[in-house]
Amino acid sequence: MKHESGVHRVQRVPVTEGAGRVHTSTMSVVLLPQPPEIEVRINPNELKVDTFKAAGAGGQHVNKTDSAVRLTHLPTGTVVSIQDERSQHRNRAKALQILRARLYEGRRREAQKERSEHRKQQIGTAERYERIRTYNFPQDRVTDHRLGWTAHGVREFMDGSELFASLLRALQEQSEAQALGSVE
């Protein structure tokens, strides 16, 4: 199915058309891979941990103990500071949870941006001149513009007949020839 992405043009005469004029429509087909699950593992060696005295209300306890925690993820420069809890261990656990969430969100955004760029490459501007295939119902003809391939029998083609299989084989052969040509 990887060869199906692009602009498909449909030419037909609608039932409501009294004068018999051919109407042309286009649609964009985009094939995207299933997005992978994003896993966030934080290597303890990539963390800088700072402890300090919490600020704000809390009396003597706040002034005596280093219960506040600041985690810095060195590869990304992401910093999380927490002083919510009285315990340094709980603050550290909370900071690690927030850091993991921020790193996950950053990677998710990056993957989404990559996916969006891939989609834009496949669609282009979705104009008629970018068409890869035309389905002409009045003439009962299918034309693949990448190969210059034409066959008659639009309905059979749409039903996945031997016509469709022969086009897929031709597209696969072209793809393999291009891949071999780029290696040499």
C-alpha atoms as a PDB file:
ATOM      1  CA  MET A   1       0.000   0.000   0.000  1.00  0.00           C
ATOM      2  CA  LYS A   2       3.007   2.308   0.268  1.00  0.00           C
ATOM      3  CA  HIS A   3       2.582   3.241  -3.401  1.00  0.00           C
ATOM      4  CA  GLU A   4      -0.948   4.575  -2.866  1.00  0.00           C
ATOM      5  CA  SER A   5      -0.013   7.798  -1.061  1.00  0.00           C
ATOM      6  CA  GLY A   6      -0.550  10.922  -3.109  1.00  0.00           C
ATOM      7  CA  VAL A   7      -3.313  12.787  -4.911  1.00  0.00           C
ATOM      8  CA  HIS A   8      -5.962  10.669  -6.634  1.00  0.00           C
ATOM      9  CA  ARG A   9      -8.214  12.340  -9.207  1.00  0.00           C
ATOM     10  CA  VAL A  10     -11.754  11.163  -9.874  1.00  0.00           C
ATOM     11  CA  GLN A  11     -13.627  12.196 -13.017  1.00  0.00           C
ATOM     12  CA  ARG A  12     -17.327  11.385 -13.090  1.00  0.00           C
ATOM     13  CA  VAL A  13     -20.723  12.582 -14.291  1.00  0.00           C
ATOM     14  CA  PRO A  14     -23.007  12.941 -11.259  1.00  0.00           C
ATOM     15  CA  VAL A  15     -26.588  11.683 -11.466  1.00  0.00           C
ATOM     16  CA  THR A  16     -27.772  15.243 -10.782  1.00  0.00           C
ATOM     17  CA  GLU A  17     -25.818  16.634 -13.764  1.00  0.00           C
ATOM     18  CA  GLY A  18     -28.362  17.396 -16.496  1.00  0.00           C
ATOM     19  CA  ALA A  19     -25.943  18.570 -19.171  1.00  0.00           C
ATOM     20  CA  GLY A  20     -23.633  15.569 -18.843  1.00  0.00           C
ATOM     21  CA  ARG A  21     -20.600  17.582 -17.803  1.00  0.00           C
ATOM     22  CA  VAL A  22     -17.703  15.733 -16.204  1.00  0.00           C
ATOM     23  CA  HIS A  23     -16.918  16.764 -12.622  1.00  0.00           C
ATOM     24  CA  THR A  24     -13.364  16.393 -11.361  1.00  0.00           C
ATOM     25  CA  SER A  25     -12.537  15.840  -7.709  1.00  0.00           C
ATOM     26  CA  THR A  26      -9.284  15.086  -5.941  1.00  0.00           C
ATOM     27  CA  MET A  27      -8.452  13.367  -2.701  1.00  0.00           C
ATOM     28  CA  SER A  28      -5.183  12.982  -0.862  1.00  0.00           C
ATOM     29  CA  VAL A  29      -4.163   9.586   0.444  1.00  0.00           C
ATOM     30  CA  VAL A  30      -1.582   9.518   3.210  1.00  0.00           C
ATOM     31  CA  LEU A  31      -0.058   6.354   4.640  1.00  0.00           C
ATOM     32  CA  LEU A  32       1.658   6.828   7.977  1.00  0.00           C
ATOM     33  CA  PRO A  33       3.363   4.198  10.086  1.00  0.00           C
ATOM     34  CA  GLN A  34       1.805   3.300  13.425  1.00  0.00           C
ATOM     35  CA  PRO A  35       3.405   5.614  15.988  1.00  0.00           C
ATOM     36  CA  PRO A  36       5.651   3.754  18.422  1.00  0.00           C
ATOM     37  CA  GLU A  37       5.060   3.859  22.146  1.00  0.00           C
ATOM     38  CA  ILE A  38       7.269   6.483  23.719  1.00  0.00           C
ATOM     39  CA  GLU A  39       9.288   5.128  26.593  1.00  0.00           C
ATOM     40  CA  VAL A  40      11.159   7.410  28.942  1.00  0.00           C
ATOM     41  CA  ARG A  41      14.055   5.966  30.864  1.00  0.00           C
ATOM     42  CA  ILE A  42      16.083   8.281  32.991  1.00  0.00           C
ATOM     43  CA  ASN A  43      19.653   7.234  33.577  1.00  0.00           C
ATOM     44  CA  PRO A  44      20.667   8.277  37.118  1.00  0.00           C
ATOM     45  CA  ASN A  45      24.107   9.224  35.740  1.00  0.00           C
ATOM     46  CA  GLU A  46      22.420  11.885  33.577  1.00  0.00           C
ATOM     47  CA  LEU A  47      20.878  13.649  36.581  1.00  0.00           C
ATOM     48  CA  LYS A  48      22.338  16.406  38.691  1.00  0.00           C
ATOM     49  CA  VAL A  49      20.654  16.440  42.081  1.00  0.00           C
ATOM     50  CA  ASP A  50      20.785  19.530  44.289  1.00  0.00           C
ATOM     51  CA  THR A  51      19.282  19.671  47.759  1.00  0.00           C
ATOM     52  CA  PHE A  52      18.618  22.903  49.582  1.00  0.00           C
ATOM     53  CA  LYS A  53      16.560  24.402  52.353  1.00  0.00           C
ATOM     54  CA  ALA A  54      12.953  25.020  51.438  1.00  0.00           C
ATOM     55  CA  ALA A  55      11.610  28.560  51.511  1.00  0.00           C
ATOM     56  CA  GLY A  56       8.294  29.757  52.899  1.00  0.00           C
ATOM     57  CA  ALA A  57       6.211  28.765  55.884  1.00  0.00           C
ATOM     58  CA  GLY A  58       7.207  25.780  57.996  1.00  0.00           C
ATOM     59  CA  GLY A  59       8.986  27.141  61.034  1.00  0.00           C
ATOM     60  CA  GLN A  60      12.245  25.722  62.302  1.00  0.00           C
ATOM     61  CA  HIS A  61      11.949  22.503  60.314  1.00  0.00           C
ATOM     62  CA  VAL A  62      12.242  24.424  57.036  1.00  0.00           C
ATOM     63  CA  ASN A  63      15.330  26.249  58.231  1.00  0.00           C
ATOM     64  CA  LYS A  64      17.141  23.148  59.542  1.00  0.00           C
ATOM     65  CA  THR A  65      16.724  20.477  56.843  1.00  0.00           C
ATOM     66  CA  ASP A  66      17.624  20.277  53.182  1.00  0.00           C
ATOM     67  CA  SER A  67      14.241  18.937  52.095  1.00  0.00           C
ATOM     68  CA  ALA A  68      13.885  20.795  48.781  1.00  0.00           C
ATOM     69  CA  VAL A  69      15.179  19.016  45.660  1.00  0.00           C
ATOM     70  CA  ARG A  70      16.276  20.321  42.261  1.00  0.00           C
ATOM     71  CA  LEU A  71      16.812  17.759  39.482  1.00  0.00           C
ATOM     72  CA  THR A  72      18.610  18.724  36.295  1.00  0.00           C
ATOM     73  CA  HIS A  73      18.497  16.340  33.339  1.00  0.00           C
ATOM     74  CA  LEU A  74      21.907  17.024  31.816  1.00  0.00           C
ATOM     75  CA  PRO A  75      21.258  15.883  28.186  1.00  0.00           C
ATOM     76  CA  THR A  76      18.187  18.102  27.767  1.00  0.00           C
ATOM     77  CA  GLY A  77      18.828  20.788  30.381  1.00  0.00           C
ATOM     78  CA  THR A  78      15.355  20.258  31.874  1.00  0.00           C
ATOM     79  CA  VAL A  79      15.170  21.451  35.493  1.00  0.00           C
ATOM     80  CA  VAL A  80      12.566  20.505  38.097  1.00  0.00           C
ATOM     81  CA  SER A  81      12.505  21.998  41.609  1.00  0.00           C
ATOM     82  CA  ILE A  82      10.184  20.699  44.342  1.00  0.00           C
ATOM     83  CA  GLN A  83       9.751  21.733  47.956  1.00  0.00           C
ATOM     84  CA  ASP A  84       6.161  20.596  48.576  1.00  0.00           C
ATOM     85  CA  GLU A  85       6.830  17.797  51.059  1.00  0.00           C
ATOM     86  CA  ARG A  86       8.681  17.823  54.377  1.00  0.00           C
ATOM     87  CA  SER A  87      10.720  14.807  53.292  1.00  0.00           C
ATOM     88  CA  GLN A  88      13.596  15.050  50.835  1.00  0.00           C
ATOM     89  CA  HIS A  89      12.817  11.513  49.597  1.00  0.00           C
ATOM     90  CA  ARG A  90       9.197  12.379  48.782  1.00  0.00           C
ATOM     91  CA  ASN A  91      10.260  15.622  47.079  1.00  0.00           C
ATOM     92  CA  ARG A  92      12.845  13.711  45.052  1.00  0.00           C
ATOM     93  CA  ALA A  93      10.256  11.110  43.988  1.00  0.00           C
ATOM     94  CA  LYS A  94       7.837  13.867  42.999  1.00  0.00           C
ATOM     95  CA  ALA A  95      10.539  15.737  41.074  1.00  0.00           C
ATOM     96  CA  LEU A  96      11.485  12.547  39.224  1.00  0.00           C
ATOM     97  CA  GLN A  97       7.852  11.962  38.286  1.00  0.00           C
ATOM     98  CA  ILE A  98       7.495  15.518  36.945  1.00  0.00           C
ATOM     99  CA  LEU A  99      10.812  15.249  35.076  1.00  0.00           C
ATOM    100  CA  ARG A 100       9.689  11.984  33.465  1.00  0.00           C
ATOM    101  CA  ALA A 101       6.419  13.643  32.400  1.00  0.00           C
ATOM    102  CA  ARG A 102       8.251  16.622  30.881  1.00  0.00           C
ATOM    103  CA  LEU A 103      10.690  14.389  29.002  1.00  0.00           C
ATOM    104  CA  TYR A 104       7.807  12.255  27.727  1.00  0.00           C
ATOM    105  CA  GLU A 105       5.958  15.359  26.507  1.00  0.00           C
ATOM    106  CA  GLY A 106       9.094  16.621  24.745  1.00  0.00           C
ATOM    107  CA  ARG A 107       9.623  13.320  22.962  1.00  0.00           C
ATOM    108  CA  ARG A 108       5.928  13.093  22.087  1.00  0.00           C
ATOM    109  CA  ARG A 109       6.037  16.590  20.559  1.00  0.00           C
ATOM    110  CA  GLU A 110       9.175  15.671  18.610  1.00  0.00           C
ATOM    111  CA  ALA A 111       7.558  12.474  17.275  1.00  0.00           C
ATOM    112  CA  GLN A 112       4.402  14.418  16.364  1.00  0.00           C
ATOM    113  CA  LYS A 113       6.465  17.019  14.501  1.00  0.00           C
ATOM    114  CA  GLU A 114       8.303  14.287  12.592  1.00  0.00           C
ATOM    115  CA  ARG A 115       5.002  12.591  11.721  1.00  0.00           C
ATOM    116  CA  SER A 116       3.524  15.909  10.589  1.00  0.00           C
ATOM    117  CA  GLU A 117       6.506  16.592   8.306  1.00  0.00           C
ATOM    118  CA  HIS A 118       6.228  13.088   6.843  1.00  0.00           C
ATOM    119  CA  ARG A 119       2.526  13.710   6.188  1.00  0.00           C
ATOM    120  CA  LYS A 120       3.212  17.066   4.504  1.00  0.00           C
ATOM    121  CA  GLN A 121       5.778  15.409   2.224  1.00  0.00           C
ATOM    122  CA  GLN A 122       3.204  12.871   1.069  1.00  0.00           C
ATOM    123  CA  ILE A 123       0.352  15.328   0.551  1.00  0.00           C
ATOM    124  CA  GLY A 124       2.285  18.185  -0.984  1.00  0.00           C
ATOM    125  CA  THR A 125      -0.203  20.915  -1.829  1.00  0.00           C
ATOM    126  CA  ALA A 126      -2.879  18.384  -2.867  1.00  0.00           C
ATOM    127  CA  GLU A 127      -3.370  20.182  -6.188  1.00  0.00           C
ATOM    128  CA  ARG A 128      -4.671  18.422  -9.274  1.00  0.00           C
ATOM    129  CA  TYR A 129      -1.339  18.637 -11.075  1.00  0.00           C
ATOM    130  CA  GLU A 130       0.277  16.508  -8.315  1.00  0.00           C
ATOM    131  CA  ARG A 131      -2.009  13.580  -9.108  1.00  0.00           C
ATOM    132  CA  ILE A 132      -0.606  10.076  -9.108  1.00  0.00           C
ATOM    133  CA  ARG A 133      -3.699   8.356 -10.482  1.00  0.00           C
ATOM    134  CA  THR A 134      -6.902   9.247 -12.329  1.00  0.00           C
ATOM    135  CA  TYR A 135     -10.137   7.270 -12.171  1.00  0.00           C
ATOM    136  CA  ASN A 136     -12.186   8.312 -15.214  1.00  0.00           C
ATOM    137  CA  PHE A 137     -15.677   6.822 -14.863  1.00  0.00           C
ATOM    138  CA  PRO A 138     -17.212   8.149 -18.145  1.00  0.00           C
ATOM    139  CA  GLN A 139     -14.415   6.487 -20.149  1.00  0.00           C
ATOM    140  CA  ASP A 140     -14.131   3.501 -17.736  1.00  0.00           C
ATOM    141  CA  ARG A 141     -10.379   4.129 -17.493  1.00  0.00           C
ATOM    142  CA  VAL A 142      -7.724   4.116 -14.746  1.00  0.00           C
ATOM    143  CA  THR A 143      -4.417   5.888 -15.382  1.00  0.00           C
ATOM    144  CA  ASP A 144      -1.382   5.825 -13.118  1.00  0.00           C
ATOM    145  CA  HIS A 145       0.611   8.934 -14.029  1.00  0.00           C
ATOM    146  CA  ARG A 146       3.872   7.804 -12.413  1.00  0.00           C
ATOM    147  CA  LEU A 147       4.196   4.868 -14.811  1.00  0.00           C
ATOM    148  CA  GLY A 148       2.060   6.069 -17.702  1.00  0.00           C
ATOM    149  CA  TRP A 149      -0.006   2.912 -17.082  1.00  0.00           C
ATOM    150  CA  THR A 150      -3.602   2.835 -18.356  1.00  0.00           C
ATOM    151  CA  ALA A 151      -6.267   0.148 -18.054  1.00  0.00           C
ATOM    152  CA  HIS A 152      -9.978  -0.035 -18.727  1.00  0.00           C
ATOM    153  CA  GLY A 153     -12.358  -1.263 -16.038  1.00  0.00           C
ATOM    154  CA  VAL A 154     -12.562   1.227 -13.158  1.00  0.00           C
ATOM    155  CA  ARG A 155     -15.011  -0.859 -11.123  1.00  0.00           C
ATOM    156  CA  GLU A 156     -12.953  -4.049 -11.488  1.00  0.00           C
ATOM    157  CA  PHE A 157      -9.849  -2.092 -10.515  1.00  0.00           C
ATOM    158  CA  MET A 158     -11.602  -0.724  -7.404  1.00  0.00           C
ATOM    159  CA  ASP A 159     -12.722  -4.237  -6.446  1.00  0.00           C
ATOM    160  CA  GLY A 160      -9.073  -5.330  -6.295  1.00  0.00           C
ATOM    161  CA  SER A 161      -9.027  -7.409  -9.459  1.00  0.00           C
ATOM    162  CA  GLU A 162      -6.000  -8.556 -11.432  1.00  0.00           C
ATOM    163  CA  LEU A 163      -5.772  -5.008 -12.862  1.00  0.00           C
ATOM    164  CA  PHE A 164      -4.959  -3.639  -9.411  1.00  0.00           C
ATOM    165  CA  ALA A 165      -2.481  -6.455  -8.744  1.00  0.00           C
ATOM    166  CA  SER A 166      -0.696  -5.813 -12.060  1.00  0.00           C
ATOM    167  CA  LEU A 167      -0.357  -2.116 -11.246  1.00  0.00           C
ATOM    168  CA  LEU A 168       1.045  -2.925  -7.798  1.00  0.00           C
ATOM    169  CA  ARG A 169       3.599  -5.291  -9.373  1.00  0.00           C
ATOM    170  CA  ALA A 170       4.655  -2.598 -11.864  1.00  0.00           C
ATOM    171  CA  LEU A 171       4.994  -0.023  -9.064  1.00  0.00           C
ATOM    172  CA  GLN A 172       7.032  -2.485  -6.978  1.00  0.00           C
ATOM    173  CA  GLU A 173       9.335  -3.165  -9.931  1.00  0.00           C
ATOM    174  CA  GLN A 174       9.815   0.571 -10.479  1.00  0.00           C
ATOM    175  CA  SER A 175      10.541   1.077  -6.780  1.00  0.00           C
ATOM    176  CA  GLU A 176      13.122  -1.741  -6.773  1.00  0.00           C
ATOM    177  CA  ALA A 177      14.766  -0.393  -9.956  1.00  0.00           C
ATOM    178  CA  GLN A 178      15.027   3.070  -8.413  1.00  0.00           C
ATOM    179  CA  ALA A 179      16.495   1.597  -5.216  1.00  0.00           C
ATOM    180  CA  LEU A 180      19.090  -0.348  -7.222  1.00  0.00           C
ATOM    181  CA  GLY A 181      19.867   2.729  -9.309  1.00  0.00           C
ATOM    182  CA  SER A 182      20.527   4.820  -6.210  1.00  0.00           C
ATOM    183  CA  VAL A 183      22.916   2.183  -4.802  1.00  0.00           C
ATOM    184  CA  GLU A 184      25.155   2.147  -7.865  1.00  0.00           C
END
